[in-house]
All heavy atoms as atom14 arrays in JSON, in Angstrom:
{
  "sequence": "EAYKEAKDESRFENGHDSYAGTIGASHGFTDVTAA",
  "atom14_mask": [
    [1, 1, 1, 1, 1, 1, 1, 1, 1, 0, 0, 0, 0, 0],
    [1, 1, 1, 1, 1, 0, 0, 0, 0, 0, 0, 0, 0, 0],
    [1, 1, 1, 1, 1, 1, 1, 1, 1, 1, 1, 1, 0, 0],
    [1, 1, 1, 1, 1, 1, 1, 1, 1, 0, 0, 0, 0, 0],
    [1, 1, 1, 1, 1, 1, 1, 1, 1, 0, 0, 0, 0, 0],
    [1, 1, 1, 1, 1, 0, 0, 0, 0, 0, 0, 0, 0, 0],
    [1, 1, 1, 1, 1, 1, 1, 1, 1, 0, 0, 0, 0, 0],
    [1, 1, 1, 1, 1, 1, 1, 1, 0, 0, 0, 0, 0, 0],
    [1, 1, 1, 1, 1, 1, 1, 1, 1, 0, 0, 0, 0, 0],
    [1, 1, 1, 1, 1, 1, 0, 0, 0, 0, 0, 0, 0, 0],
    [1, 1, 1, 1, 1, 1, 1, 1, 1, 1, 1, 0, 0, 0],
    [1, 1, 1, 1, 1, 1, 1, 1, 1, 1, 1, 0, 0, 0],
    [1, 1, 1, 1, 1, 1, 1, 1, 1, 0, 0, 0, 0, 0],
    [1, 1, 1, 1, 1, 1, 1, 1, 0, 0, 0, 0, 0, 0],
    [1, 1, 1, 1, 0, 0, 0, 0, 0, 0, 0, 0, 0, 0],
    [1, 1, 1, 1, 1, 1, 1, 1, 1, 1, 0, 0, 0, 0],
    [1, 1, 1, 1, 1, 1, 1, 1, 0, 0, 0, 0, 0, 0],
    [1, 1, 1, 1, 1, 1, 0, 0, 0, 0, 0, 0, 0, 0],
    [1, 1, 1, 1, 1, 1, 1, 1, 1, 1, 1, 1, 0, 0],
    [1, 1, 1, 1, 1, 0, 0, 0, 0, 0, 0, 0, 0, 0],
    [1, 1, 1, 1, 0, 0, 0, 0, 0, 0, 0, 0, 0, 0],
    [1, 1, 1, 1, 1, 1, 1, 0, 0, 0, 0, 0, 0, 0],
    [1, 1, 1, 1, 1, 1, 1, 1, 0, 0, 0, 0, 0, 0],
    [1, 1, 1, 1, 0, 0, 0, 0, 0, 0, 0, 0, 0, 0],
    [1, 1, 1, 1, 1, 0, 0, 0, 0, 0, 0, 0, 0, 0],
    [1, 1, 1, 1, 1, 1, 0, 0, 0, 0, 0, 0, 0, 0],
    [1, 1, 1, 1, 1, 1, 1, 1, 1, 1, 0, 0, 0, 0],
    [1, 1, 1, 1, 0, 0, 0, 0, 0, 0, 0, 0, 0, 0],
    [1, 1, 1, 1, 1, 1, 1, 1, 1, 1, 1, 0, 0, 0],
    [1, 1, 1, 1, 1, 1, 1, 0, 0, 0, 0, 0, 0, 0],
    [1, 1, 1, 1, 1, 1, 1, 1, 0, 0, 0, 0, 0, 0],
    [1, 1, 1, 1, 1, 1, 1, 0, 0, 0, 0, 0, 0, 0],
    [1, 1, 1, 1, 1, 1, 1, 0, 0, 0, 0, 0, 0, 0],
    [1, 1, 1, 1, 1, 0, 0, 0, 0, 0, 0, 0, 0, 0],
    [1, 1, 1, 1, 1, 0, 0, 0, 0, 0, 0, 0, 0, 0]
  ],
  "atom14_positions": [
    [[4.52, -8.71, -5.44], [5.17, -9.03, -4.18], [5.65, -7.75, -3.47], [5.49, -7.6, -2.26], [6.36, -9.96, -4.43], [7.12, -10.35, -3.19], [8.37, -11.17, -3.51], [8.22, -12.23, -4.14], [9.48, -10.74, -3.13], [0.0, 0.0, 0.0], [0.0, 0.0, 0.0], [0.0, 0.0, 0.0], [0.0, 0.0, 0.0], [0.0, 0.0, 0.0]],
    [[6.23, -6.83, -4.24], [6.71, -5.56, -3.67], [5.55, -4.74, -3.13], [5.65, -4.13, -2.06], [7.49, -4.77, -4.71], [0.0, 0.0, 0.0], [0.0, 0.0, 0.0], [0.0, 0.0, 0.0], [0.0, 0.0, 0.0], [0.0, 0.0, 0.0], [0.0, 0.0, 0.0], [0.0, 0.0, 0.0], [0.0, 0.0, 0.0], [0.0, 0.0, 0.0]],
    [[4.43, -4.7, -3.86], [3.25, -3.95, -3.41], [2.73, -4.54, -2.09], [2.45, -3.81, -1.14], [2.15, -3.98, -4.47], [0.85, -3.35, -4.0], [0.71, -1.98, -3.9], [-0.22, -4.15, -3.64], [-0.47, -1.41, -3.46], [-1.4, -3.59, -3.19], [-1.53, -2.22, -3.1], [-2.7, -1.66, -2.65], [0.0, 0.0, 0.0], [0.0, 0.0, 0.0]],
    [[2.61, -5.87, -2.04], [2.12, -6.52, -0.82], [3.03, -6.2, 0.36], [2.57, -5.9, 1.45], [2.01, -8.03, -1.03], [1.46, -8.76, 0.18], [1.51, -10.26, -0.02], [1.02, -11.03, 1.17], [1.51, -10.63, 2.47], [0.0, 0.0, 0.0], [0.0, 0.0, 0.0], [0.0, 0.0, 0.0], [0.0, 0.0, 0.0], [0.0, 0.0, 0.0]],
    [[4.34, -6.27, 0.13], [5.31, -5.99, 1.2], [5.2, -4.53, 1.67], [5.22, -4.25, 2.87], [6.73, -6.3, 0.71], [7.79, -6.19, 1.78], [7.67, -7.2, 2.89], [7.15, -8.31, 2.66], [8.09, -6.88, 4.02], [0.0, 0.0, 0.0], [0.0, 0.0, 0.0], [0.0, 0.0, 0.0], [0.0, 0.0, 0.0], [0.0, 0.0, 0.0]],
    [[5.09, -3.6, 0.72], [4.97, -2.17, 1.07], [3.69, -1.93, 1.85], [3.67, -1.19, 2.85], [4.99, -1.31, -0.19], [0.0, 0.0, 0.0], [0.0, 0.0, 0.0], [0.0, 0.0, 0.0], [0.0, 0.0, 0.0], [0.0, 0.0, 0.0], [0.0, 0.0, 0.0], [0.0, 0.0, 0.0], [0.0, 0.0, 0.0], [0.0, 0.0, 0.0]],
    [[2.61, -2.56, 1.43], [1.33, -2.4, 2.12], [1.38, -3.0, 3.53], [0.92, -2.39, 4.49], [0.22, -3.06, 1.28], [-1.17, -2.71, 1.74], [-2.19, -3.08, 0.69], [-3.56, -2.77, 1.24], [-4.55, -2.51, 0.24], [0.0, 0.0, 0.0], [0.0, 0.0, 0.0], [0.0, 0.0, 0.0], [0.0, 0.0, 0.0], [0.0, 0.0, 0.0]],
    [[1.99, -4.19, 3.65], [2.12, -4.84, 4.96], [2.97, -4.0, 5.91], [2.64, -3.84, 7.08], [2.74, -6.24, 4.82], [1.78, -7.25, 4.2], [0.58, -6.94, 4.07], [2.26, -8.34, 3.83], [0.0, 0.0, 0.0], [0.0, 0.0, 0.0], [0.0, 0.0, 0.0], [0.0, 0.0, 0.0], [0.0, 0.0, 0.0], [0.0, 0.0, 0.0]],
    [[4.1, -3.46, 5.41], [4.96, -2.61, 6.25], [4.21, -1.37, 6.71], [4.32, -0.96, 7.87], [6.22, -2.2, 5.48], [7.26, -3.28, 5.39], [8.49, -2.85, 4.61], [8.72, -1.63, 4.44], [9.24, -3.75, 4.17], [0.0, 0.0, 0.0], [0.0, 0.0, 0.0], [0.0, 0.0, 0.0], [0.0, 0.0, 0.0], [0.0, 0.0, 0.0]],
    [[3.47, -0.76, 5.8], [2.71, 0.44, 6.14], [1.66, 0.13, 7.2], [1.47, 0.9, 8.15], [2.03, 1.01, 4.89], [1.19, 2.07, 5.23], [0.0, 0.0, 0.0], [0.0, 0.0, 0.0], [0.0, 0.0, 0.0], [0.0, 0.0, 0.0], [0.0, 0.0, 0.0], [0.0, 0.0, 0.0], [0.0, 0.0, 0.0], [0.0, 0.0, 0.0]],
    [[0.98, -0.98, 7.04], [-0.05, -1.37, 8.03], [0.58, -1.68, 9.38], [-0.01, -1.4, 10.41], [-0.85, -2.55, 7.51], [-1.81, -2.16, 6.43], [-2.61, -3.34, 5.97], [-3.73, -2.91, 5.15], [-4.52, -3.73, 4.52], [-4.35, -5.02, 4.63], [-5.52, -3.26, 3.8], [0.0, 0.0, 0.0], [0.0, 0.0, 0.0], [0.0, 0.0, 0.0]],
    [[1.78, -2.26, 9.37], [2.46, -2.55, 10.63], [2.82, -1.25, 11.35], [2.65, -1.13, 12.56], [3.73, -3.38, 10.36], [4.51, -3.69, 11.6], [4.09, -4.66, 12.49], [5.67, -2.99, 11.9], [4.8, -4.93, 13.64], [6.39, -3.25, 13.04], [5.96, -4.23, 13.92], [0.0, 0.0, 0.0], [0.0, 0.0, 0.0], [0.0, 0.0, 0.0]],
    [[3.32, -0.27, 10.59], [3.74, 0.99, 11.18], [2.58, 1.94, 11.5], [2.64, 2.69, 12.46], [4.73, 1.7, 10.25], [6.06, 0.99, 10.14], [7.01, 1.64, 9.16], [6.77, 2.8, 8.77], [8.0, 0.99, 8.78], [0.0, 0.0, 0.0], [0.0, 0.0, 0.0], [0.0, 0.0, 0.0], [0.0, 0.0, 0.0], [0.0, 0.0, 0.0]],
    [[1.54, 1.93, 10.67], [0.47, 2.92, 10.8], [-0.89, 2.33, 11.2], [-1.86, 3.07, 11.3], [0.31, 3.68, 9.48], [1.6, 4.32, 9.05], [2.14, 5.16, 9.74], [2.13, 3.89, 7.91], [0.0, 0.0, 0.0], [0.0, 0.0, 0.0], [0.0, 0.0, 0.0], [0.0, 0.0, 0.0], [0.0, 0.0, 0.0], [0.0, 0.0, 0.0]],
    [[-0.97, 1.03, 11.34], [-2.23, 0.4, 11.68], [-3.05, 0.07, 10.44], [-2.71, 0.44, 9.33], [0.0, 0.0, 0.0], [0.0, 0.0, 0.0], [0.0, 0.0, 0.0], [0.0, 0.0, 0.0], [0.0, 0.0, 0.0], [0.0, 0.0, 0.0], [0.0, 0.0, 0.0], [0.0, 0.0, 0.0], [0.0, 0.0, 0.0], [0.0, 0.0, 0.0]],
    [[-4.15, -0.62, 10.65], [-5.0, -1.08, 9.55], [-6.13, -0.12, 9.22], [-7.09, -0.49, 8.56], [-5.58, -2.46, 9.88], [-4.55, -3.55, 9.87], [-4.3, -4.32, 8.77], [-3.67, -3.97, 10.82], [-3.34, -5.17, 9.03], [-2.94, -4.98, 10.27], [0.0, 0.0, 0.0], [0.0, 0.0, 0.0], [0.0, 0.0, 0.0], [0.0, 0.0, 0.0]],
    [[-6.02, 1.1, 9.68], [-7.06, 2.1, 9.43], [-7.19, 2.36, 7.94], [-6.21, 2.64, 7.25], [-6.7, 3.4, 10.17], [-7.79, 4.45, 10.07], [-8.86, 4.16, 9.5], [-7.55, 5.57, 10.55], [0.0, 0.0, 0.0], [0.0, 0.0, 0.0], [0.0, 0.0, 0.0], [0.0, 0.0, 0.0], [0.0, 0.0, 0.0], [0.0, 0.0, 0.0]],
    [[-8.42, 2.29, 7.4], [-8.61, 2.51, 5.96], [-8.52, 4.0, 5.61], [-8.66, 4.37, 4.45], [-9.95, 1.94, 5.52], [-11.0, 2.51, 6.26], [0.0, 0.0, 0.0], [0.0, 0.0, 0.0], [0.0, 0.0, 0.0], [0.0, 0.0, 0.0], [0.0, 0.0, 0.0], [0.0, 0.0, 0.0], [0.0, 0.0, 0.0], [0.0, 0.0, 0.0]],
    [[-8.27, 4.85, 6.6], [-8.08, 6.29, 6.36], [-6.73, 6.74, 6.9], [-6.58, 7.83, 7.43], [-9.21, 7.1, 7.01], [-10.53, 6.86, 6.34], [-11.42, 5.92, 6.83], [-10.86, 7.54, 5.18], [-12.63, 5.68, 6.19], [-12.06, 7.31, 4.52], [-12.94, 6.38, 5.03], [-14.12, 6.14, 4.38], [0.0, 0.0, 0.0], [0.0, 0.0, 0.0]],
    [[-5.71, 5.89, 6.76], [-4.38, 6.19, 7.29], [-3.59, 7.15, 6.4], [-2.61, 7.72, 6.82], [-3.58, 4.9, 7.48], [0.0, 0.0, 0.0], [0.0, 0.0, 0.0], [0.0, 0.0, 0.0], [0.0, 0.0, 0.0], [0.0, 0.0, 0.0], [0.0, 0.0, 0.0], [0.0, 0.0, 0.0], [0.0, 0.0, 0.0], [0.0, 0.0, 0.0]],
    [[-4.0, 7.31, 5.15], [-3.3, 8.21, 4.24], [-1.98, 7.65, 3.73], [-1.1, 8.4, 3.31], [0.0, 0.0, 0.0], [0.0, 0.0, 0.0], [0.0, 0.0, 0.0], [0.0, 0.0, 0.0], [0.0, 0.0, 0.0], [0.0, 0.0, 0.0], [0.0, 0.0, 0.0], [0.0, 0.0, 0.0], [0.0, 0.0, 0.0], [0.0, 0.0, 0.0]],
    [[-1.84, 6.31, 3.75], [-0.6, 5.67, 3.31], [-0.93, 4.61, 2.27], [-2.09, 4.33, 2.0], [0.11, 4.99, 4.49], [-0.73, 3.92, 4.97], [0.4, 5.97, 5.62], [0.0, 0.0, 0.0], [0.0, 0.0, 0.0], [0.0, 0.0, 0.0], [0.0, 0.0, 0.0], [0.0, 0.0, 0.0], [0.0, 0.0, 0.0], [0.0, 0.0, 0.0]],
    [[0.11, 3.98, 1.74], [-0.1, 2.89, 0.78], [-0.91, 1.76, 1.4], [-1.6, 1.03, 0.71], [1.24, 2.37, 0.2], [0.98, 1.47, -1.02], [2.07, 1.69, 1.27], [2.22, 1.1, -1.8], [0.0, 0.0, 0.0], [0.0, 0.0, 0.0], [0.0, 0.0, 0.0], [0.0, 0.0, 0.0], [0.0, 0.0, 0.0], [0.0, 0.0, 0.0]],
    [[-0.86, 1.64, 2.71], [-1.64, 0.62, 3.41], [-3.13, 0.79, 3.23], [-3.9, -0.16, 3.38], [0.0, 0.0, 0.0], [0.0, 0.0, 0.0], [0.0, 0.0, 0.0], [0.0, 0.0, 0.0], [0.0, 0.0, 0.0], [0.0, 0.0, 0.0], [0.0, 0.0, 0.0], [0.0, 0.0, 0.0], [0.0, 0.0, 0.0], [0.0, 0.0, 0.0]],
    [[-3.58, 2.0, 2.88], [-5.01, 2.26, 2.66], [-5.37, 2.23, 1.18], [-6.51, 2.48, 0.8], [-5.38, 3.62, 3.25], [0.0, 0.0, 0.0], [0.0, 0.0, 0.0], [0.0, 0.0, 0.0], [0.0, 0.0, 0.0], [0.0, 0.0, 0.0], [0.0, 0.0, 0.0], [0.0, 0.0, 0.0], [0.0, 0.0, 0.0], [0.0, 0.0, 0.0]],
    [[-4.39, 1.91, 0.32], [-4.65, 1.89, -1.12], [-5.38, 0.61, -1.52], [-5.42, -0.36, -0.77], [-3.34, 2.03, -1.91], [-2.54, 0.89, -1.72], [0.0, 0.0, 0.0], [0.0, 0.0, 0.0], [0.0, 0.0, 0.0], [0.0, 0.0, 0.0], [0.0, 0.0, 0.0], [0.0, 0.0, 0.0], [0.0, 0.0, 0.0], [0.0, 0.0, 0.0]],
    [[-5.94, 0.62, -2.72], [-6.74, -0.51, -3.2], [-6.13, -1.06, -4.48], [-6.61, -0.81, -5.57], [-8.19, -0.08, -3.46], [-8.84, 0.52, -2.25], [-9.31, -0.25, -1.21], [-9.06, 1.8, -1.89], [-9.8, 0.53, -0.28], [-9.66, 1.78, -0.66], [0.0, 0.0, 0.0], [0.0, 0.0, 0.0], [0.0, 0.0, 0.0], [0.0, 0.0, 0.0]],
    [[-5.03, -1.79, -4.36], [-4.38, -2.38, -5.52], [-3.46, -1.39, -6.22], [-3.24, -0.28, -5.76], [0.0, 0.0, 0.0], [0.0, 0.0, 0.0], [0.0, 0.0, 0.0], [0.0, 0.0, 0.0], [0.0, 0.0, 0.0], [0.0, 0.0, 0.0], [0.0, 0.0, 0.0], [0.0, 0.0, 0.0], [0.0, 0.0, 0.0], [0.0, 0.0, 0.0]],
    [[-2.93, -1.82, -7.36], [-2.02, -0.97, -8.13], [-2.21, -1.21, -9.62], [-2.72, -2.25, -10.04], [-0.55, -1.22, -7.75], [-0.04, -2.57, -8.16], [0.56, -2.76, -9.39], [-0.17, -3.67, -7.32], [1.03, -4.0, -9.78], [0.28, -4.92, -7.69], [0.89, -5.08, -8.93], [0.0, 0.0, 0.0], [0.0, 0.0, 0.0], [0.0, 0.0, 0.0]],
    [[-1.82, -0.23, -10.4], [-1.81, -0.33, -11.85], [-0.37, -0.14, -12.3], [0.28, 0.84, -11.94], [-2.69, 0.77, -12.49], [-4.03, 0.61, -12.01], [-2.68, 0.67, -14.0], [0.0, 0.0, 0.0], [0.0, 0.0, 0.0], [0.0, 0.0, 0.0], [0.0, 0.0, 0.0], [0.0, 0.0, 0.0], [0.0, 0.0, 0.0], [0.0, 0.0, 0.0]],
    [[0.14, -1.09, -13.1], [1.51, -1.02, -13.6], [1.57, -0.02, -14.75], [0.96, -0.21, -15.79], [1.95, -2.4, -14.08], [3.41, -2.45, -14.52], [4.05, -1.38, -14.63], [3.91, -3.57, -14.74], [0.0, 0.0, 0.0], [0.0, 0.0, 0.0], [0.0, 0.0, 0.0], [0.0, 0.0, 0.0], [0.0, 0.0, 0.0], [0.0, 0.0, 0.0]],
    [[2.31, 1.08, -14.54], [2.45, 2.13, -15.56], [3.9, 2.25, -16.01], [4.31, 3.3, -16.51], [1.89, 3.49, -15.06], [0.39, 3.4, -14.84], [2.6, 3.95, -13.8], [0.0, 0.0, 0.0], [0.0, 0.0, 0.0], [0.0, 0.0, 0.0], [0.0, 0.0, 0.0], [0.0, 0.0, 0.0], [0.0, 0.0, 0.0], [0.0, 0.0, 0.0]],
    [[4.67, 1.19, -15.87], [6.09, 1.19, -16.22], [6.31, 1.63, -17.67], [7.22, 2.43, -17.94], [6.7, -0.21, -16.0], [6.48, -0.59, -14.64], [8.18, -0.23, -16.31], [0.0, 0.0, 0.0], [0.0, 0.0, 0.0], [0.0, 0.0, 0.0], [0.0, 0.0, 0.0], [0.0, 0.0, 0.0], [0.0, 0.0, 0.0], [0.0, 0.0, 0.0]],
    [[5.48, 1.15, -18.59], [5.66, 1.46, -20.02], [5.6, 2.97, -20.27], [6.33, 3.49, -21.12], [4.61, 0.75, -20.85], [0.0, 0.0, 0.0], [0.0, 0.0, 0.0], [0.0, 0.0, 0.0], [0.0, 0.0, 0.0], [0.0, 0.0, 0.0], [0.0, 0.0, 0.0], [0.0, 0.0, 0.0], [0.0, 0.0, 0.0], [0.0, 0.0, 0.0]],
    [[4.76, 3.69, -19.55], [4.62, 5.14, -19.74], [5.85, 5.91, -19.25], [6.04, 7.06, -19.62], [3.38, 5.65, -19.01], [0.0, 0.0, 0.0], [0.0, 0.0, 0.0], [0.0, 0.0, 0.0], [0.0, 0.0, 0.0], [0.0, 0.0, 0.0], [0.0, 0.0, 0.0], [0.0, 0.0, 0.0], [0.0, 0.0, 0.0], [0.0, 0.0, 0.0]]
  ]
}
């Protein structure tokens, strides 16, 4: 939920460009909390 919200906020502020250089242009996430 947090990832989706961060991505949505980034896209709202920076547009939907797949080369925006923000989390909005990322492709999913990997949970590395244990490390």
